[in-house]
Amino acid sequence: MRITQKDLRAKIDRLNNWLGFESNTTNALQLDCAYGGYRVVQLTSDKGSCRDLSDRDTARELYEFLCGMEATLDVINRAKSLPYFANPLEK
């Protein structure tokens, strides 16, 4: 299956929703496209500054990176419900 910009943007939108970030606001994730490559950036201010969260890759490589981010968030979400994952400092 060919990965398009639309696929990458859909993954990023899903991650933003999952994390509670509104598009184009501070902390939101965005797709950066340049020189035939793609990367994920996070907005760090309302003036447009951002930081790189990934290397510049092909569409397929970035799609796999985003799948990894989703899987990691899913594991963290599930682990929060386990009793042994509770933060010992909260007692």
N, C-alpha and C. Protein backbone atom coordinates (compact mmCIF):
# COMPACT_ATOMS: atom_id res chain seq x y z
N MET A 1 0.84 -1.18 0.00
CA MET A 1 0.00 0.00 0.00
C MET A 1 0.89 1.25 0.00
N ARG A 2 0.55 2.17 -0.84
CA ARG A 2 1.29 3.42 -0.93
C ARG A 2 0.84 4.36 0.19
N ILE A 3 1.78 4.98 0.86
CA ILE A 3 1.49 5.93 1.93
C ILE A 3 1.52 7.34 1.36
N THR A 4 0.46 8.08 1.58
CA THR A 4 0.35 9.45 1.05
C THR A 4 0.39 10.45 2.21
N GLN A 5 0.48 11.72 1.85
CA GLN A 5 0.42 12.78 2.86
C GLN A 5 -0.89 12.70 3.64
N LYS A 6 -1.95 12.34 2.94
CA LYS A 6 -3.26 12.22 3.59
C LYS A 6 -3.21 11.16 4.70
N ASP A 7 -2.54 10.04 4.45
CA ASP A 7 -2.41 8.98 5.46
C ASP A 7 -1.62 9.49 6.66
N LEU A 8 -0.53 10.19 6.40
CA LEU A 8 0.31 10.72 7.48
C LEU A 8 -0.45 11.75 8.31
N ARG A 9 -1.17 12.64 7.64
CA ARG A 9 -1.94 13.65 8.36
C ARG A 9 -3.04 13.02 9.21
N ALA A 10 -3.65 11.95 8.70
CA ALA A 10 -4.70 11.25 9.46
C ALA A 10 -4.12 10.64 10.74
N LYS A 11 -2.94 10.04 10.64
CA LYS A 11 -2.28 9.47 11.83
C LYS A 11 -1.95 10.58 12.84
N ILE A 12 -1.43 11.69 12.35
CA ILE A 12 -1.07 12.80 13.23
C ILE A 12 -2.32 13.39 13.88
N ASP A 13 -3.40 13.52 13.12
CA ASP A 13 -4.66 14.01 13.70
C ASP A 13 -5.15 13.08 14.79
N ARG A 14 -5.03 11.78 14.56
CA ARG A 14 -5.46 10.80 15.56
C ARG A 14 -4.61 10.93 16.84
N LEU A 15 -3.31 11.09 16.68
CA LEU A 15 -2.43 11.26 17.84
C LEU A 15 -2.77 12.55 18.60
N ASN A 16 -3.01 13.64 17.86
CA ASN A 16 -3.39 14.90 18.50
C ASN A 16 -4.67 14.74 19.31
N ASN A 17 -5.66 14.04 18.72
CA ASN A 17 -6.92 13.81 19.43
C ASN A 17 -6.68 12.98 20.68
N TRP A 18 -5.86 11.93 20.55
CA TRP A 18 -5.57 11.04 21.66
C TRP A 18 -4.89 11.79 22.81
N LEU A 19 -4.00 12.71 22.45
CA LEU A 19 -3.25 13.48 23.44
C LEU A 19 -4.00 14.72 23.94
N GLY A 20 -5.13 15.03 23.30
CA GLY A 20 -5.92 16.18 23.71
C GLY A 20 -5.40 17.51 23.18
N PHE A 21 -4.64 17.47 22.07
CA PHE A 21 -4.11 18.68 21.47
C PHE A 21 -5.00 19.12 20.32
N GLU A 22 -5.32 20.41 20.27
CA GLU A 22 -6.07 20.97 19.15
C GLU A 22 -5.09 21.32 18.03
N SER A 23 -5.50 21.15 16.80
CA SER A 23 -4.64 21.47 15.66
C SER A 23 -4.16 22.91 15.72
N ASN A 24 -2.92 23.13 15.34
CA ASN A 24 -2.31 24.46 15.24
C ASN A 24 -2.28 25.23 16.56
N THR A 25 -2.23 24.52 17.68
CA THR A 25 -2.06 25.16 18.97
C THR A 25 -0.77 24.64 19.59
N THR A 26 -0.31 25.30 20.64
CA THR A 26 0.92 24.88 21.31
C THR A 26 0.82 23.41 21.72
N ASN A 27 1.88 22.68 21.49
CA ASN A 27 2.04 21.25 21.77
C ASN A 27 1.47 20.33 20.69
N ALA A 28 0.70 20.86 19.77
CA ALA A 28 0.12 20.02 18.73
C ALA A 28 1.22 19.45 17.82
N LEU A 29 0.97 18.25 17.32
CA LEU A 29 1.89 17.63 16.36
C LEU A 29 1.49 18.05 14.96
N GLN A 30 2.49 18.22 14.09
CA GLN A 30 2.22 18.59 12.70
C GLN A 30 3.15 17.82 11.78
N LEU A 31 2.73 17.70 10.54
CA LEU A 31 3.54 17.08 9.51
C LEU A 31 4.34 18.16 8.79
N ASP A 32 5.64 17.96 8.67
CA ASP A 32 6.50 18.88 7.94
C ASP A 32 6.97 18.16 6.69
N CYS A 33 6.73 18.77 5.54
CA CYS A 33 7.10 18.17 4.26
C CYS A 33 8.09 19.09 3.54
N ALA A 34 9.26 18.55 3.20
CA ALA A 34 10.24 19.35 2.46
C ALA A 34 11.29 18.42 1.85
N TYR A 35 11.81 18.81 0.72
CA TYR A 35 12.90 18.09 0.07
C TYR A 35 12.56 16.63 -0.20
N GLY A 36 11.30 16.34 -0.43
CA GLY A 36 10.88 14.97 -0.72
C GLY A 36 10.79 14.08 0.50
N GLY A 37 10.95 14.64 1.69
CA GLY A 37 10.87 13.86 2.92
C GLY A 37 9.83 14.41 3.86
N TYR A 38 9.58 13.66 4.91
CA TYR A 38 8.55 14.02 5.88
C TYR A 38 9.11 13.86 7.29
N ARG A 39 8.61 14.70 8.21
CA ARG A 39 8.97 14.52 9.61
C ARG A 39 7.82 15.05 10.47
N VAL A 40 7.81 14.64 11.73
CA VAL A 40 6.82 15.10 12.69
C VAL A 40 7.47 16.18 13.54
N VAL A 41 6.76 17.30 13.69
CA VAL A 41 7.22 18.38 14.55
C VAL A 41 6.14 18.68 15.58
N GLN A 42 6.57 19.27 16.70
CA GLN A 42 5.63 19.69 17.73
C GLN A 42 5.73 21.20 17.88
N LEU A 43 4.59 21.87 17.81
CA LEU A 43 4.57 23.32 17.98
C LEU A 43 4.94 23.66 19.42
N THR A 44 5.84 24.61 19.60
CA THR A 44 6.29 24.97 20.94
C THR A 44 5.82 26.36 21.37
N SER A 45 5.22 27.09 20.45
CA SER A 45 4.67 28.40 20.81
C SER A 45 3.57 28.76 19.82
N ASP A 46 2.80 29.76 20.17
CA ASP A 46 1.73 30.20 19.27
C ASP A 46 2.27 31.03 18.11
N LYS A 47 3.57 31.30 18.11
CA LYS A 47 4.18 32.07 17.02
C LYS A 47 4.73 31.18 15.91
N GLY A 48 4.59 29.86 16.07
CA GLY A 48 4.99 28.96 15.00
C GLY A 48 6.30 28.22 15.20
N SER A 49 7.01 28.48 16.28
CA SER A 49 8.25 27.73 16.49
C SER A 49 7.92 26.28 16.83
N CYS A 50 8.83 25.38 16.45
CA CYS A 50 8.55 23.96 16.65
C CYS A 50 9.85 23.21 16.90
N ARG A 51 9.69 21.98 17.38
CA ARG A 51 10.84 21.10 17.58
C ARG A 51 10.59 19.80 16.84
N ASP A 52 11.67 19.21 16.35
CA ASP A 52 11.57 17.96 15.61
C ASP A 52 11.32 16.81 16.56
N LEU A 53 10.39 15.93 16.22
CA LEU A 53 10.16 14.71 16.98
C LEU A 53 10.67 13.49 16.22
N SER A 54 10.93 13.65 14.94
CA SER A 54 11.44 12.54 14.14
C SER A 54 12.48 13.05 13.16
N ASP A 55 13.21 12.12 12.60
CA ASP A 55 14.12 12.45 11.50
C ASP A 55 13.29 12.68 10.25
N ARG A 56 13.89 13.27 9.24
CA ARG A 56 13.22 13.41 7.94
C ARG A 56 13.33 12.07 7.23
N ASP A 57 12.19 11.47 6.91
CA ASP A 57 12.16 10.13 6.34
C ASP A 57 11.25 10.08 5.13
N THR A 58 11.19 8.89 4.55
CA THR A 58 10.21 8.65 3.49
C THR A 58 8.83 8.56 4.13
N ALA A 59 7.80 8.61 3.32
CA ALA A 59 6.44 8.52 3.84
C ALA A 59 6.23 7.20 4.57
N ARG A 60 6.72 6.10 4.01
CA ARG A 60 6.56 4.78 4.64
C ARG A 60 7.27 4.71 6.00
N GLU A 61 8.50 5.22 6.06
CA GLU A 61 9.25 5.19 7.32
C GLU A 61 8.56 6.04 8.39
N LEU A 62 8.07 7.21 8.01
CA LEU A 62 7.39 8.06 8.98
C LEU A 62 6.07 7.43 9.42
N TYR A 63 5.37 6.76 8.52
CA TYR A 63 4.13 6.07 8.87
C TYR A 63 4.41 5.02 9.94
N GLU A 64 5.49 4.27 9.77
CA GLU A 64 5.86 3.25 10.76
C GLU A 64 6.24 3.91 12.09
N PHE A 65 6.92 5.05 12.05
CA PHE A 65 7.25 5.81 13.26
C PHE A 65 5.97 6.20 14.00
N LEU A 66 4.98 6.70 13.26
CA LEU A 66 3.71 7.11 13.85
C LEU A 66 2.95 5.92 14.42
N CYS A 67 3.03 4.77 13.77
CA CYS A 67 2.41 3.55 14.29
C CYS A 67 3.07 3.18 15.63
N GLY A 68 4.38 3.36 15.71
CA GLY A 68 5.10 3.10 16.96
C GLY A 68 4.67 4.04 18.06
N MET A 69 4.44 5.31 17.72
CA MET A 69 3.95 6.27 18.72
C MET A 69 2.58 5.85 19.23
N GLU A 70 1.70 5.43 18.31
CA GLU A 70 0.36 4.98 18.72
C GLU A 70 0.45 3.76 19.63
N ALA A 71 1.30 2.81 19.27
CA ALA A 71 1.44 1.59 20.07
C ALA A 71 1.97 1.91 21.47
N THR A 72 2.93 2.83 21.55
CA THR A 72 3.49 3.22 22.84
C THR A 72 2.42 3.87 23.72
N LEU A 73 1.63 4.78 23.15
CA LEU A 73 0.57 5.42 23.91
C LEU A 73 -0.47 4.40 24.37
N ASP A 74 -0.75 3.42 23.54
CA ASP A 74 -1.70 2.37 23.90
C ASP A 74 -1.19 1.55 25.08
N VAL A 75 0.09 1.19 25.06
CA VAL A 75 0.68 0.42 26.16
C VAL A 75 0.63 1.23 27.45
N ILE A 76 0.98 2.50 27.39
CA ILE A 76 0.95 3.36 28.58
C ILE A 76 -0.47 3.47 29.12
N ASN A 77 -1.43 3.65 28.22
CA ASN A 77 -2.83 3.76 28.62
C ASN A 77 -3.30 2.50 29.34
N ARG A 78 -2.95 1.35 28.79
CA ARG A 78 -3.36 0.08 29.40
C ARG A 78 -2.65 -0.14 30.73
N ALA A 79 -1.39 0.23 30.80
CA ALA A 79 -0.61 0.00 32.01
C ALA A 79 -1.12 0.84 33.18
N LYS A 80 -1.68 1.99 32.90
CA LYS A 80 -2.18 2.85 33.97
C LYS A 80 -3.26 2.17 34.79
N SER A 81 -3.98 1.23 34.19
CA SER A 81 -5.06 0.55 34.91
C SER A 81 -4.55 -0.63 35.74
N LEU A 82 -3.29 -0.98 35.62
CA LEU A 82 -2.74 -2.09 36.39
C LEU A 82 -2.28 -1.62 37.77
N PRO A 83 -2.55 -2.41 38.81
CA PRO A 83 -2.20 -1.95 40.16
C PRO A 83 -0.70 -1.79 40.39
N TYR A 84 0.13 -2.62 39.76
CA TYR A 84 1.58 -2.51 39.99
C TYR A 84 2.21 -1.36 39.24
N PHE A 85 1.46 -0.70 38.38
CA PHE A 85 1.99 0.45 37.64
C PHE A 85 1.77 1.75 38.41
N ALA A 86 1.01 1.68 39.49
CA ALA A 86 0.69 2.90 40.25
C ALA A 86 1.96 3.59 40.71
N ASN A 87 1.92 4.87 40.72
CA ASN A 87 3.07 5.69 41.14
C ASN A 87 3.27 5.55 42.64
N PRO A 88 4.41 5.03 43.10
CA PRO A 88 4.62 4.84 44.54
C PRO A 88 4.68 6.15 45.31
N LEU A 89 4.92 7.26 44.63
CA LEU A 89 5.00 8.55 45.31
C LEU A 89 3.62 9.11 45.64
N GLU A 90 2.59 8.56 45.03
CA GLU A 90 1.23 9.07 45.25
C GLU A 90 0.63 8.55 46.55
N LYS A 91 1.25 7.60 47.22
CA LYS A 91 0.69 7.01 48.45
C LYS A 91 0.83 7.92 49.63
